[in-house]
Structures are given as structure tokens and as C-alpha cells.
Amino acid sequence: MTTTAQLKYFDELKRTMEWLAQQPKVMFVGQTVAGPGTFMFQTLRDCPKERCLEMPINESFQMQFTIGMALTGVVPVSVYPRQNFLLLATGDMANMLDKIPMISGGKWPLKVIIRVATGPDFPVHPGHQHIGNYAKALRELFSWIDVVELNSAEEIFPAYSHALTRTDGKSTLVIEHGNFYNEECYAKKAVTTTSQH
């Protein structure tokens, strides 16, 4: 059996994104999905370019566009590199994406995967407006959007696979941890977790 220390967080994310890119109806949409610019792009660099739609830096518009894609039957993976800036789309998530299934009486279930990260603060701290984690608050805010944090490499593929195949009419907000993209940070986290048991 593979241990947390053996399974690398970044490698598992990259493998999972490439798997998603092969699934019918899946489309990546967001910031730096089609070209470099943030650490998250490296997990998408080998995905087919026709599955990656680059968006302007306009978080609210991106979420509205994402919802429109889902209404046409596409399964969008909407990528936001930082939770701090996802906050600019939270109104659209809370008032539209989270409410459309109820407003429509269940006739318009939307399957959206929102991919976001806490920004890495190692080896260089990017500033406090890049490293926020609002998972607890977001769970309180939403009724039909499931909020999932990826705290280990083993959780990555099951979380994204479930988000894609779920049949309960819910969308999924998947939170990655930027520090764990760094093998050194992830190894330290794994050692700390093991020593606490």
C-alpha cells in the first residue's frame, strides 16, 4: 500500500487533471489554465489545449460563465489560483450556483467543479492576500456546494472523481494547499502527521 510520504501531492494532482481532461464534457476554464502564470498551471501543462479555456482576471464573470457552461451540459472545472480572489465570485456562487437547483425545483441540477488553492508561503511569502483559507466559512455559506479540502495526496483522485461522477445534483468546491506542491513541505507535513499518531 502506498503511504502518504511515497505518494507526491503535485504528481497526483497532475495525474488527476490529465484523467479529468480525458473525460467527456469536461472543460477547464479559468486563470492560467492554458498558459503559465501560477503554480497551478504546472498540473495542467500536458492536458489537451482544446480542453483549456483561458479567462481574464475577472472572478465574478468567470463564475457566471462557468454556470452558463454547466447549464449547457458541460462539466466545467473552474480554476481560481487563490481563495482570496475566489471571494470576488462568492456572491455568484451563493446566490446563483448554490440556489439554482432549489429555484428550479430540481430541474436544473448543475455539476460544477471549482478548483482553488491556498497560496504557498514557502520558499517566498507572497503576501497575506494570497494565503487565505476560508473553508470553514464557505461550508457555512453554501447548501448545495460541497466543500472539500485536499490534505493528503491520497485524497486527490477520489475527491475529483466523486465531484465528476456524483449524482446528487451538487457542485463541488475543491481546496488544494499550495505548500504541498512543494515536496519538502509535503514531506514535513507527512512526518508531523505520522508522529502525532
Protein backbone atom coordinates (compact mmCIF):
# COMPACT_ATOMS: atom_id res chain seq x y z
CA MET A 1 0.00 0.00 0.00
CA THR A 2 1.31 3.47 -0.86
CA THR A 3 1.99 5.73 2.12
CA THR A 4 1.40 9.47 2.29
CA ALA A 5 5.14 10.09 2.15
CA GLN A 6 5.50 7.99 -1.03
CA LEU A 7 2.60 9.48 -2.98
CA LYS A 8 3.52 13.01 -4.06
CA TYR A 9 0.85 15.70 -3.88
CA PHE A 10 1.84 17.53 -7.08
CA ASP A 11 2.25 14.33 -9.10
CA GLU A 12 -1.15 13.07 -8.00
CA LEU A 13 -2.78 16.39 -8.91
CA LYS A 14 -1.17 16.34 -12.35
CA ARG A 15 -2.25 12.75 -12.95
CA THR A 16 -5.79 13.56 -11.84
CA MET A 17 -6.06 16.64 -14.05
CA GLU A 18 -4.90 14.62 -17.05
CA TRP A 19 -7.52 11.98 -16.24
CA LEU A 20 -10.22 14.65 -15.99
CA ALA A 21 -9.15 16.09 -19.34
CA GLN A 22 -9.94 12.72 -20.97
CA GLN A 23 -13.49 12.57 -19.61
CA PRO A 24 -16.40 13.52 -21.88
CA LYS A 25 -17.86 17.01 -21.33
CA VAL A 26 -15.06 18.21 -19.00
CA MET A 27 -13.57 21.62 -19.77
CA PHE A 28 -11.02 23.57 -17.74
CA VAL A 29 -11.81 27.27 -17.54
CA GLY A 30 -10.03 29.97 -15.58
CA GLN A 31 -6.83 31.84 -14.92
CA THR A 32 -3.57 30.30 -16.20
CA VAL A 33 -5.21 27.10 -17.41
CA ALA A 34 -3.90 27.49 -20.97
CA GLY A 35 -0.53 29.05 -20.19
CA PRO A 36 1.90 29.62 -17.32
CA GLY A 37 1.42 32.25 -14.65
CA THR A 38 0.64 30.46 -11.40
CA PHE A 39 1.80 27.28 -9.69
CA MET A 40 -1.48 25.51 -10.58
CA PHE A 41 -0.74 25.66 -14.32
CA GLN A 42 2.00 23.05 -13.94
CA THR A 43 -0.65 20.42 -13.17
CA LEU A 44 -2.42 21.26 -16.45
CA ARG A 45 0.58 21.76 -18.74
CA ASP A 46 0.16 18.38 -20.50
CA CYS A 47 -3.64 18.50 -20.80
CA PRO A 48 -5.06 18.93 -24.32
CA LYS A 49 -5.18 22.64 -25.12
CA GLU A 50 -8.66 22.30 -26.61
CA ARG A 51 -9.86 21.39 -23.11
CA CYS A 52 -8.40 24.57 -21.52
CA LEU A 53 -10.15 27.92 -21.90
CA GLU A 54 -8.17 30.89 -20.56
CA MET A 55 -10.20 33.59 -18.81
CA PRO A 56 -9.46 37.23 -17.99
CA ILE A 57 -8.81 38.18 -14.38
CA ASN A 58 -12.47 38.81 -13.58
CA GLU A 59 -13.51 36.33 -10.92
CA SER A 60 -17.22 37.16 -10.86
CA PHE A 61 -17.54 36.96 -14.66
CA GLN A 62 -15.66 33.66 -14.64
CA MET A 63 -18.16 32.14 -12.19
CA GLN A 64 -21.12 33.40 -14.22
CA PHE A 65 -19.53 31.99 -17.39
CA THR A 66 -18.93 28.70 -15.55
CA ILE A 67 -22.59 28.48 -14.55
CA GLY A 68 -23.62 29.15 -18.15
CA MET A 69 -21.35 26.34 -19.37
CA ALA A 70 -22.88 23.93 -16.85
CA LEU A 71 -26.40 24.83 -17.98
CA THR A 72 -25.44 23.66 -21.49
CA GLY A 73 -24.30 20.24 -20.21
CA VAL A 74 -20.57 20.89 -19.99
CA VAL A 75 -18.83 19.87 -16.75
CA PRO A 76 -16.60 22.89 -16.12
CA VAL A 77 -13.58 22.73 -13.85
CA SER A 78 -13.36 26.41 -12.93
CA VAL A 79 -9.84 27.23 -11.74
CA TYR A 80 -9.05 30.01 -9.26
CA PRO A 81 -5.40 30.08 -8.15
CA ARG A 82 -6.14 31.73 -4.77
CA GLN A 83 -9.01 31.52 -2.29
CA ASN A 84 -8.56 35.22 -1.52
CA PHE A 85 -9.64 36.10 -5.06
CA LEU A 86 -12.35 33.45 -5.23
CA LEU A 87 -14.08 35.67 -2.67
CA LEU A 88 -14.85 38.04 -5.56
CA ALA A 89 -17.00 35.27 -7.07
CA THR A 90 -18.62 34.17 -3.81
CA GLY A 91 -21.78 36.22 -4.41
CA ASP A 92 -22.34 34.40 -7.70
CA MET A 93 -21.70 31.07 -6.01
CA ALA A 94 -24.01 31.77 -3.05
CA ASN A 95 -26.85 33.42 -4.97
CA MET A 96 -26.76 31.51 -8.26
CA LEU A 97 -24.78 28.26 -8.35
CA ASP A 98 -25.88 27.23 -4.86
CA LYS A 99 -29.53 28.23 -5.38
CA ILE A 100 -30.38 27.24 -8.97
CA PRO A 101 -31.25 23.62 -8.03
CA MET A 102 -33.74 24.92 -5.43
CA ILE A 103 -35.08 27.77 -7.58
CA SER A 104 -35.71 25.33 -10.45
CA GLY A 105 -37.34 22.70 -8.24
CA GLY A 106 -34.51 20.31 -9.04
CA LYS A 107 -34.99 20.62 -12.81
CA TRP A 108 -31.61 22.28 -13.35
CA PRO A 109 -29.04 20.42 -11.27
CA LEU A 110 -25.63 21.89 -12.05
CA LYS A 111 -22.40 19.93 -11.92
CA VAL A 112 -19.57 22.40 -11.49
CA ILE A 113 -16.13 21.66 -10.08
CA ILE A 114 -14.44 24.72 -8.63
CA ARG A 115 -10.72 24.23 -8.17
CA VAL A 116 -8.97 26.64 -5.84
CA ALA A 117 -5.87 26.73 -3.65
CA THR A 118 -4.44 28.33 -0.60
CA GLY A 119 -1.36 30.09 -1.92
CA PRO A 120 2.04 28.72 -0.94
CA ASP A 121 4.03 30.76 1.57
CA PHE A 122 7.28 28.82 1.04
CA PRO A 123 10.00 29.43 -0.06
CA VAL A 124 8.79 33.04 -0.59
CA HIS A 125 5.84 34.59 1.24
CA PRO A 126 3.59 36.19 -1.42
CA GLY A 127 1.69 38.49 0.96
CA HIS A 128 -1.26 37.84 3.23
CA GLN A 129 -3.80 38.49 0.46
CA HIS A 130 -2.62 35.27 -1.24
CA ILE A 131 -2.60 32.63 1.51
CA GLY A 132 -6.12 32.67 2.99
CA ASN A 133 -8.12 29.54 3.70
CA TYR A 134 -11.85 30.17 4.07
CA ALA A 135 -13.04 26.54 4.00
CA LYS A 136 -14.97 26.77 7.29
CA ALA A 137 -16.80 29.96 6.29
CA LEU A 138 -17.61 28.61 2.84
CA ARG A 139 -19.10 25.44 4.31
CA GLU A 140 -21.41 27.60 6.41
CA LEU A 141 -22.37 29.72 3.40
CA PHE A 142 -23.40 27.02 0.94
CA SER A 143 -26.21 24.48 0.93
CA TRP A 144 -25.69 22.71 -2.43
CA ILE A 145 -21.99 23.26 -2.99
CA ASP A 146 -19.87 20.62 -1.29
CA VAL A 147 -16.57 22.00 0.12
CA VAL A 148 -13.69 19.50 0.14
CA GLU A 149 -10.12 20.13 1.35
CA LEU A 150 -7.27 18.02 -0.01
CA ASN A 151 -4.95 17.48 2.95
CA SER A 152 -3.11 14.47 1.53
CA ALA A 153 -2.18 13.07 -1.85
CA GLU A 154 -4.41 10.04 -1.29
CA GLU A 155 -7.48 12.27 -1.17
CA ILE A 156 -6.91 13.92 -4.55
CA PHE A 157 -8.15 11.41 -7.13
CA PRO A 158 -11.15 10.20 -5.06
CA ALA A 159 -12.28 13.78 -4.45
CA TYR A 160 -12.14 14.84 -8.10
CA SER A 161 -13.57 11.54 -9.31
CA HIS A 162 -16.53 11.89 -6.93
CA ALA A 163 -17.04 15.53 -7.96
CA LEU A 164 -17.29 14.42 -11.59
CA THR A 165 -19.48 11.35 -11.13
CA ARG A 166 -21.76 12.44 -8.29
CA THR A 167 -25.48 12.15 -8.96
CA ASP A 168 -26.89 14.19 -6.08
CA GLY A 169 -27.15 17.43 -8.05
CA LYS A 170 -24.40 19.17 -6.10
CA SER A 171 -21.39 21.11 -7.28
CA THR A 172 -18.01 20.70 -5.58
CA LEU A 173 -15.50 23.26 -4.37
CA VAL A 174 -12.13 21.53 -4.08
CA ILE A 175 -9.47 23.28 -2.00
CA GLU A 176 -5.83 22.39 -2.60
CA HIS A 177 -2.92 23.52 -0.43
CA GLY A 178 -0.21 25.30 -2.38
CA ASN A 179 2.51 24.48 0.13
CA PHE A 180 2.01 20.77 -0.54
CA TYR A 181 3.00 21.22 -4.19
CA ASN A 182 6.50 21.58 -2.73
CA GLU A 183 7.81 18.10 -1.97
CA GLU A 184 9.83 19.32 1.02
CA CYS A 185 6.79 20.95 2.67
CA TYR A 186 4.58 17.95 1.96
CA ALA A 187 7.16 15.52 3.38
CA LYS A 188 7.39 17.61 6.58
CA LYS A 189 3.60 17.60 6.87
CA ALA A 190 3.52 13.82 6.42
CA VAL A 191 6.20 13.31 9.09
CA THR A 192 4.37 15.62 11.51
CA THR A 193 1.07 13.83 10.94
CA THR A 194 2.69 10.40 11.43
CA SER A 195 4.42 11.46 14.64
CA GLN A 196 1.11 12.61 16.14
CA HIS A 197 -0.45 9.14 15.87
